[in-house]
Protein backbone atom coordinates (compact mmCIF):
# COMPACT_ATOMS: atom_id res chain seq x y z
CA MET A 1 25.43 221.70 72.02
CA HIS A 2 25.59 219.06 69.29
CA VAL A 3 22.12 217.77 70.16
CA VAL A 4 20.38 221.17 70.29
CA GLY A 5 22.03 222.13 67.00
CA SER A 6 20.95 218.95 65.19
CA HIS A 7 17.88 218.52 63.00
CA VAL A 8 15.40 216.18 64.67
CA ARG A 9 11.73 215.31 64.33
CA LEU A 10 9.37 216.47 67.04
CA HIS A 11 6.57 213.94 66.75
CA GLY A 12 3.07 215.32 66.90
CA SER A 13 -0.53 214.93 65.85
CA SER A 14 -3.23 217.13 64.37
CA ASP A 15 -5.79 215.00 62.58
CA ALA A 16 -9.51 214.23 62.46
CA ASN A 17 -9.19 211.64 65.23
CA LEU A 18 -7.63 214.24 67.55
CA VAL A 19 -10.42 216.70 66.78
CA GLN A 20 -13.01 214.10 67.73
CA ARG A 21 -11.22 213.15 70.96
CA VAL A 22 -10.96 216.81 72.04
CA ARG A 23 -14.70 217.23 71.45
CA GLN A 24 -15.26 214.25 73.74
CA ALA A 25 -13.05 215.60 76.54
CA PRO A 26 -15.05 216.05 79.77
CA ASN A 27 -14.13 219.75 80.03
CA PHE A 28 -14.81 220.66 76.38
CA VAL A 29 -17.12 223.63 75.94
CA PRO A 30 -18.53 223.97 72.41
CA THR A 31 -17.76 227.25 70.66
CA ARG A 32 -19.24 228.82 67.57
CA LYS A 33 -16.12 227.86 65.61
CA ALA A 34 -15.68 224.34 64.32
CA LEU A 35 -12.52 222.54 65.36
CA SER A 36 -10.18 221.51 62.57
CA VAL A 37 -6.71 220.12 62.03
CA ALA A 38 -3.77 222.54 62.14
CA ALA A 39 -2.21 222.84 58.68
CA GLY A 40 1.34 221.56 58.47
CA LEU A 41 1.43 220.05 61.96
CA ASP A 42 0.15 216.50 61.53
CA GLY A 43 2.87 213.87 61.84
CA GLY A 44 5.44 216.19 63.43
CA ILE A 45 7.94 218.71 62.10
CA ILE A 46 11.70 218.85 61.60
CA LEU A 47 13.43 221.40 63.83
CA ARG A 48 16.55 222.15 65.83
CA PRO A 49 15.99 222.30 69.62
CA VAL A 50 17.94 225.57 69.77
CA GLU A 51 15.01 227.11 67.88
CA GLY A 52 12.66 226.09 70.69
CA LEU A 53 15.01 227.67 73.25
CA HIS A 54 15.09 230.82 71.11
CA TRP A 55 11.30 231.09 71.00
CA LEU A 56 11.10 230.43 74.75
CA SER A 57 13.56 233.25 75.52
CA TYR A 58 11.92 235.58 73.00
CA ALA A 59 8.26 235.03 73.91
CA THR A 60 8.86 235.31 77.66
CA SER A 61 11.36 238.21 77.71
CA PRO A 62 8.71 240.84 78.69
CA ARG A 63 7.96 238.78 81.82
CA TYR A 64 11.38 239.47 83.32
CA GLN A 65 12.66 242.60 85.04
CA ASP A 66 16.27 243.78 85.33
CA ASP A 67 16.65 242.83 88.98
CA LEU A 68 19.01 240.06 90.00
CA LEU A 69 16.38 237.33 90.35
CA ASP A 70 14.76 237.93 86.98
CA LEU A 71 18.06 238.32 85.13
CA TYR A 72 19.19 235.01 86.57
CA MET A 73 15.90 233.28 85.75
CA HIS A 74 15.94 234.49 82.14
CA TRP A 75 19.54 233.44 81.60
CA ALA A 76 18.78 230.16 83.36
CA LEU A 77 16.53 229.16 80.46
CA VAL A 78 19.80 228.21 78.77
CA ARG A 79 20.12 225.30 81.21
CA TYR A 80 17.66 223.47 78.98
CA ILE A 81 20.43 222.78 76.47
CA GLY A 82 20.99 219.61 78.52
CA LEU A 83 17.33 218.57 78.47
CA PHE A 84 17.28 216.92 75.05
CA LYS A 85 18.60 213.88 73.26
CA ARG A 86 18.16 212.36 69.82
CA ARG A 87 16.40 209.00 69.72
CA ASN A 88 16.56 206.59 66.79
CA ASP A 89 13.03 205.27 66.40
CA GLY A 90 13.58 203.58 63.03
CA SER A 91 12.41 206.51 60.94
CA ALA A 92 14.56 208.51 58.54
CA ASP A 93 14.91 211.32 61.07
CA SER A 94 16.03 211.02 64.68
CA ALA A 95 13.26 211.85 67.15
CA LEU A 96 13.52 214.54 69.80
CA ALA A 97 13.44 213.01 73.28
CA ILE A 98 14.35 213.83 76.89
CA SER A 99 17.88 213.14 78.12
CA GLN A 100 18.77 211.17 81.25
CA PRO A 101 19.49 214.37 83.23
CA GLY A 102 16.17 215.75 81.99
CA GLN A 103 14.33 212.67 83.20
CA ARG A 104 15.76 213.18 86.69
CA ILE A 105 13.96 216.51 87.13
CA ARG A 106 11.33 216.10 89.83
CA GLY A 107 8.71 218.00 91.79
CA SER A 108 7.66 221.54 91.02
CA GLN A 109 10.68 222.06 88.77
CA ARG A 110 9.35 219.30 86.50
CA ARG A 111 6.05 221.19 86.23
CA VAL A 112 7.88 224.42 85.42
CA THR A 113 9.97 222.61 82.79
CA SER A 114 6.84 221.20 81.13
CA GLU A 115 5.17 224.61 81.06
CA GLU A 116 8.24 226.31 79.60
CA MET A 117 8.67 223.65 76.94
CA GLY A 118 5.00 224.25 76.14
CA ILE A 119 5.74 227.93 75.53
CA GLY A 120 8.96 227.51 73.55
CA PHE A 121 7.85 224.72 71.26
CA GLY A 122 4.25 225.95 71.15
CA ALA A 123 5.46 229.29 69.76
CA LEU A 124 7.76 227.50 67.31
CA LEU A 125 4.90 225.31 66.09
CA ALA A 126 2.61 228.34 65.80
CA ASN A 127 5.16 230.12 63.64
CA HIS A 128 5.30 227.05 61.38
CA TRP A 129 1.47 226.88 61.24
CA PHE A 130 1.11 230.58 60.41
CA ALA A 131 3.72 230.25 57.66
CA GLN A 132 1.81 227.28 56.23
CA THR A 133 -1.45 229.21 56.17
CA GLY A 134 -0.65 232.45 54.42
CA ALA A 135 2.44 233.95 56.05
CA ALA A 136 5.31 232.10 54.35
CA GLY A 137 8.21 234.49 53.85
CA LEU A 138 6.53 237.18 55.98
CA PRO A 139 7.65 238.58 59.36
CA ILE A 140 5.68 236.86 62.14
CA GLY A 141 5.78 238.50 65.57
CA ILE A 142 4.56 237.34 68.97
CA VAL A 143 2.98 239.30 71.83
CA ASP A 144 2.46 238.16 75.43
CA VAL A 145 -1.09 239.40 76.02
CA ASP A 146 -0.84 239.86 79.78
CA ALA A 147 2.72 241.23 79.80
CA ALA A 148 2.23 243.73 76.96
CA LEU A 149 -1.46 244.62 76.73
CA GLY A 150 -3.02 244.03 80.18
CA ASP A 151 -2.43 244.75 83.86
CA ARG A 152 -4.22 241.96 85.70
CA TYR A 153 -0.98 240.06 86.39
CA ILE A 154 2.38 240.92 87.85
CA PHE A 155 5.47 238.88 87.00
CA ALA A 156 8.29 237.61 89.20
CA GLY A 157 10.95 235.22 88.01
CA GLY A 158 8.99 234.87 84.77
CA SER A 159 5.87 233.55 86.55
CA ARG A 160 2.45 235.19 86.46
CA HIS A 161 0.64 236.22 89.64
CA PRO A 162 -2.90 237.69 89.48
CA VAL A 163 -3.41 241.05 91.16
CA ARG A 164 -7.19 240.63 91.25
CA ALA A 165 -9.84 238.02 90.61
CA VAL A 166 -10.87 237.75 86.97
CA ALA A 167 -13.71 235.63 85.64
CA ASP A 168 -12.86 235.58 81.95
CA ARG A 169 -10.08 233.59 80.35
CA ARG A 170 -8.19 234.68 77.27
CA PRO A 171 -5.29 233.38 75.19
CA ASP A 172 -1.72 233.90 76.40
CA TYR A 173 -0.27 235.12 73.10
CA LEU A 174 -1.14 236.95 69.91
CA LEU A 175 0.64 236.34 66.61
CA ILE A 176 1.09 239.25 64.21
CA ALA A 177 1.85 239.06 60.48
CA PRO A 178 1.28 241.30 57.44
CA ASP A 179 -1.34 240.48 54.85
CA SER A 180 0.43 238.75 51.96
CA THR A 181 -1.53 240.88 49.47
CA ALA A 182 -1.18 244.25 51.25
CA ARG A 183 2.04 245.01 53.12
CA ARG A 184 0.60 247.82 55.25
CA ARG A 185 -2.23 245.66 56.56
CA TYR A 186 -1.75 243.16 59.40
CA ARG A 187 -3.52 240.06 60.65
CA VAL A 188 -3.90 238.98 64.28
CA ARG A 189 -4.14 235.38 65.45
CA ALA A 190 -4.37 233.90 68.94
CA LEU A 191 -2.16 231.23 70.48
CA GLU A 192 -2.63 229.20 73.63
CA CYS A 193 0.34 227.07 74.71
CA LYS A 194 0.05 224.22 77.18
CA GLY A 195 2.69 221.87 78.51
CA THR A 196 2.38 218.67 80.48
CA ARG A 197 4.46 215.83 81.86
CA GLY A 198 1.32 213.69 81.92
CA THR A 199 -0.48 211.43 79.49
CA ALA A 200 -1.98 212.11 76.08
CA SER A 201 -5.42 211.95 77.73
CA TYR A 202 -4.51 214.83 80.00
CA ALA A 203 -3.12 216.73 76.99
CA MET A 204 -6.57 216.31 75.37
CA GLN A 205 -8.12 218.05 78.35
CA GLN A 206 -5.50 220.79 78.07
CA LEU A 207 -6.46 221.31 74.44
CA ALA A 208 -10.14 221.52 75.36
CA SER A 209 -9.28 224.18 77.92
CA ALA A 210 -7.06 225.99 75.40
CA VAL A 211 -9.87 226.12 72.83
CA ASP A 212 -12.06 227.79 75.45
CA GLN A 213 -9.31 230.36 76.14
CA LEU A 214 -8.91 231.12 72.44
CA ALA A 215 -12.55 232.17 72.42
CA GLY A 216 -11.89 234.57 75.31
CA ILE A 217 -11.06 237.52 73.08
CA SER A 218 -13.29 238.88 70.34
CA VAL A 219 -12.15 241.33 67.69
CA GLY A 220 -14.93 243.33 66.09
CA GLY A 221 -17.46 240.67 67.04
CA ARG A 222 -15.31 237.84 65.63
CA THR A 223 -13.06 235.36 67.35
CA PRO A 224 -9.69 235.61 65.59
CA PRO A 225 -8.10 232.51 64.06
CA GLY A 226 -6.14 230.62 66.65
CA LEU A 227 -4.01 227.61 67.51
CA ALA A 228 -4.09 225.45 70.62
CA VAL A 229 -0.95 223.38 71.34
CA SER A 230 -0.06 220.97 74.12
CA THR A 231 3.59 219.87 74.34
CA ILE A 232 4.10 216.58 76.16
CA THR A 233 7.36 215.81 78.01
CA ALA A 234 6.57 212.44 79.58
CA ASN A 235 9.31 210.00 80.65
CA ASN A 236 11.90 210.17 77.87
CA GLN A 237 9.41 211.13 75.16
CA MET A 238 8.64 214.53 73.68
CA SER A 239 5.69 215.21 71.39
CA TYR A 240 2.78 217.59 70.83
CA LEU A 241 -0.92 217.76 70.00
CA ALA A 242 -2.31 220.74 68.08
CA ILE A 243 -5.76 221.86 66.99
CA ASP A 244 -7.08 224.82 65.01
CA PRO A 245 -10.52 226.31 65.72
CA GLY A 246 -11.25 227.03 62.05
CA GLU A 247 -12.08 230.40 60.52
CA GLU A 248 -13.14 230.82 56.90
CA GLU A 249 -12.27 234.52 56.66
CA GLU A 250 -9.34 236.44 58.09
CA PRO A 251 -9.58 240.23 57.87
CA SER A 252 -6.53 242.48 58.00
CA TYR A 253 -6.20 246.05 59.23
CA GLU A 254 -4.18 249.09 58.22
CA VAL A 255 -1.06 249.97 60.23
CA ASN A 256 0.63 253.29 59.45
CA SER A 257 2.21 256.25 61.23
CA ALA A 258 -1.17 257.75 62.12
CA THR A 259 -3.04 254.61 63.23
CA ILE A 260 -0.21 253.23 65.34
CA GLU A 261 0.05 256.43 67.38
CA GLN A 262 -3.61 256.12 68.28
CA ALA A 263 -2.87 252.76 69.95
CA ALA A 264 -0.10 254.02 72.26
CA SER A 265 -2.39 253.96 75.33
CA PHE A 266 -4.34 250.80 74.43
CA GLN A 267 -5.01 248.37 77.27
CA LEU A 268 -7.15 245.25 77.46
CA GLU A 269 -9.79 245.64 80.16
CA ASP A 270 -11.10 242.83 82.33
CA ASP A 271 -14.77 243.43 81.57
CA VAL A 272 -14.42 244.09 77.84
CA THR A 273 -14.27 240.93 75.73
CA ASP A 274 -14.82 242.58 72.34
CA VAL A 275 -12.24 245.14 71.17
CA PRO A 276 -12.07 247.35 68.06
CA PRO A 277 -10.11 245.34 65.48
CA ALA A 278 -8.00 248.16 64.03
CA LEU A 279 -7.05 249.38 67.50
CA LEU A 280 -6.04 245.92 68.73
CA THR A 281 -4.06 245.27 65.55
CA ASN A 282 -2.09 248.50 65.85
CA ALA A 283 -1.48 247.95 69.56
CA SER A 284 -0.31 244.40 68.84
CA VAL A 285 2.11 245.56 66.16
CA ARG A 286 3.49 248.14 68.62
CA ALA A 287 3.85 245.44 71.28
CA SER A 288 5.56 243.03 68.86
CA TRP A 289 8.13 245.70 67.93
CA ALA A 290 8.62 246.53 71.61
CA THR A 291 9.18 242.84 72.36
CA LEU A 292 11.75 242.65 69.56
CA ALA A 293 13.50 245.79 70.82
CA ASP A 294 13.48 244.52 74.40
CA PHE A 295 14.91 241.14 73.39
CA SER A 296 17.86 242.81 71.67
CA GLY A 297 18.48 245.53 74.26
CA ASN A 298 17.40 248.49 72.09
CA LEU A 299 15.88 250.51 74.93
CA THR A 300 15.23 253.61 72.81
CA ALA A 301 13.02 251.56 70.48
CA LEU A 302 11.43 249.77 73.44
CA ASP A 303 10.38 253.11 74.91
CA ARG A 304 9.18 254.27 71.48
CA TRP A 305 6.88 251.33 70.75
CA ALA A 306 5.82 249.74 74.05
CA PRO A 307 2.12 250.28 74.82
CA ALA A 308 1.71 252.35 77.98
CA VAL A 309 0.87 249.37 80.20
CA MET A 310 3.96 247.49 79.01
CA ARG A 311 6.19 250.53 79.50
CA ARG A 312 4.95 250.99 83.07
CA ARG A 313 5.67 247.37 83.89
CA LEU A 314 9.20 247.09 82.52
CA ASP A 315 12.18 248.53 84.35
CA ARG A 316 15.19 248.27 82.06
CA GLN A 317 18.82 249.30 82.47
CA GLN A 318 21.09 249.94 79.52
CA ARG A 319 23.51 247.09 78.85
CA ARG A 320 26.38 247.05 76.44
CA ARG A 321 25.31 245.98 72.98
CA VAL A 322 27.56 244.06 70.59
CA THR A 323 27.57 243.58 66.82
CA PHE A 324 28.41 240.16 65.42
CA ASP A 325 28.11 238.09 62.24
CA THR A 326 25.61 235.25 61.88
CA PRO A 327 24.47 232.94 59.05
CA PHE A 328 21.47 235.30 58.72
CA GLY A 329 23.51 238.51 58.38
CA THR A 330 24.94 240.98 60.85
CA ALA A 331 23.18 241.14 64.22
CA ARG A 332 23.22 243.55 67.13
CA GLY A 333 22.21 242.79 70.70
CA THR A 334 23.25 241.95 74.24
CA SER A 335 25.49 239.19 75.48
CA VAL A 336 25.95 237.24 78.71
CA THR A 337 28.57 234.60 79.54
CA VAL A 338 27.95 231.85 82.10
CA GLY A 339 30.27 229.15 83.39
CA LEU A 340 29.27 225.55 82.73
CA ASP A 341 31.43 222.60 83.76
CA GLY A 342 34.71 224.45 83.34
CA GLN A 343 33.69 226.06 80.05
CA ARG A 344 32.20 229.45 79.19
CA LEU A 345 28.89 229.59 77.35
CA ASN A 346 28.15 232.87 75.59
CA VAL A 347 24.45 233.64 75.02
CA ARG A 348 23.44 236.49 72.71
CA TYR A 349 19.98 237.99 72.31
CA ALA A 350 19.92 240.13 69.19
CA ILE A 351 18.14 241.61 66.18
CA ASP A 352 19.06 241.91 62.53
CA GLN A 353 21.22 245.02 62.24
CA MET A 354 19.24 246.55 59.36
CA ILE A 355 15.98 246.24 61.32
CA ASP A 356 17.69 247.58 64.43
CA GLN A 357 18.73 250.70 62.54
CA GLN A 358 15.11 251.36 61.56
CA MET A 359 13.52 250.66 64.96
CA THR A 360 13.34 254.33 65.96
CA HIS A 361 12.12 255.49 62.55
CA SER A 362 8.68 255.27 60.92
CA PRO A 363 6.44 252.21 61.07
CA GLU A 364 6.76 251.90 57.30
CA ALA A 365 10.59 251.78 57.54
CA ILE A 366 10.47 249.04 60.19
CA ALA A 367 7.95 247.00 58.21
CA ASP A 368 10.04 247.24 55.04
CA ALA A 369 13.20 246.14 56.88
CA GLN A 370 11.35 243.18 58.39
CA PHE A 371 10.06 242.17 54.95
CA VAL A 372 13.59 242.16 53.57
CA PHE A 373 14.84 240.01 56.45
CA ALA A 374 11.93 237.54 56.29
CA GLU A 375 12.39 237.05 52.56
CA ARG A 376 16.13 236.56 53.01
CA LEU A 377 15.53 234.08 55.83
CA ARG A 378 13.07 232.09 53.72
CA GLY A 379 15.55 231.95 50.85
CA SER A 380 18.41 230.75 53.03
CA GLN A 381 18.92 227.19 54.12
CA SER A 382 18.64 226.27 57.77
CA PRO A 383 22.12 226.16 59.29
CA ALA A 384 23.64 222.79 58.52
CA GLU A 385 24.67 220.37 61.20
CA GLU A 386 28.39 220.56 61.76
CA THR A 387 30.81 218.36 63.58
CA ASP A 388 31.93 221.53 65.37
CA SER A 389 28.89 222.58 67.43
CA SER A 390 30.68 225.31 69.36
CA SER A 391 28.48 228.04 67.82
CA LEU A 392 24.72 227.79 67.16
CA TYR A 393 22.35 230.36 65.67
CA SER A 394 18.58 230.71 65.34
CA ALA A 395 16.39 233.42 63.79
CA THR A 396 12.69 234.26 63.73
CA PRO A 397 10.99 235.78 60.66
CA ASP A 398 10.49 239.18 62.33
CA GLY A 399 14.24 239.64 62.86
CA SER A 400 15.19 238.32 66.30
CA ILE A 401 18.44 236.33 66.43
CA PHE A 402 19.65 234.02 69.20
CA SER A 403 23.05 232.41 69.50
CA LEU A 404 24.91 230.03 71.79
CA SER A 405 28.69 229.65 71.62
CA LEU A 406 31.32 227.92 73.72
CA GLU A 407 34.44 229.88 74.54
């Protein structure tokens, strides 16, 4: 608990040398977009590991059902609190590394661990990158493309299984944020997360593959801005490589009560690579609100905003919701308690209470509540490290809140 609540540096690289090495990877396929460094990600970032666990739980929540296996697998993500350690590498900040128990993970579980760290920290890094490039102080949401907008996969225990052969490849996630100059207009970016327990050379090949996937979806004839990230968990080291297929212009599209209703039945088709930009944007905003509602157990809002394909996939049962105080304000969500080594660990998946109260109202009311929260979050300091690490909290700019506490 002390380690995952501490500020550490996740070492990483996004520079001109990396761009050149990805271009030289044997599996690199040139695209029309030039590769460039990812703003704000060269040299690593300071974070708390609990934030990576939060993003992992949040981004993957639509992949889990309410049956016993999936509930267990989602809660079991919390086991990663023992995966990390702080390593003094001579710099001013301790480096994030893998603990001795984490190093003992072997076989297929090691592969799963690498992939899940790729999702959690990839999403965290993408949020940082988006904030550095025009979304600072704005609500940034995330959408699992195949869980929320498509039907070519089924999910069991959080893992994807294709239901039919598909030739095209597309990014795993979309990032959604308002236009900083027009609050009712939204931007869509793509994210492809990779994770490996292998070498930096293999991570280069992963990035080359990720760049190809980012080009797998076209919006109004344009490939949206995107980020490719590979998180490396090799031996006792943890680091990342990131690259940004550059885009000079980034259009935004109107989202209001009328346009968002038109996207209720939107679904990505296998044989359609180019989609109408306004329709995809409105469907993505719906899906991001549905993901937020699902994470916090607001089933009325989930049913209200989930695109039809997402609603058909998810089978949810009402669970008791709790209200509790956090450093970010009052939160409301669900809670589960698990036994660990003679102690009780309470895990809460929640949403800012003010946003929660607006989730069944108009799109404009939700957007305004998210703006207020994102601005408040930006103005607040990250929770300080404390000698008492019995309670930890993390928040995302769109209003999701995650907490761990020992009882």
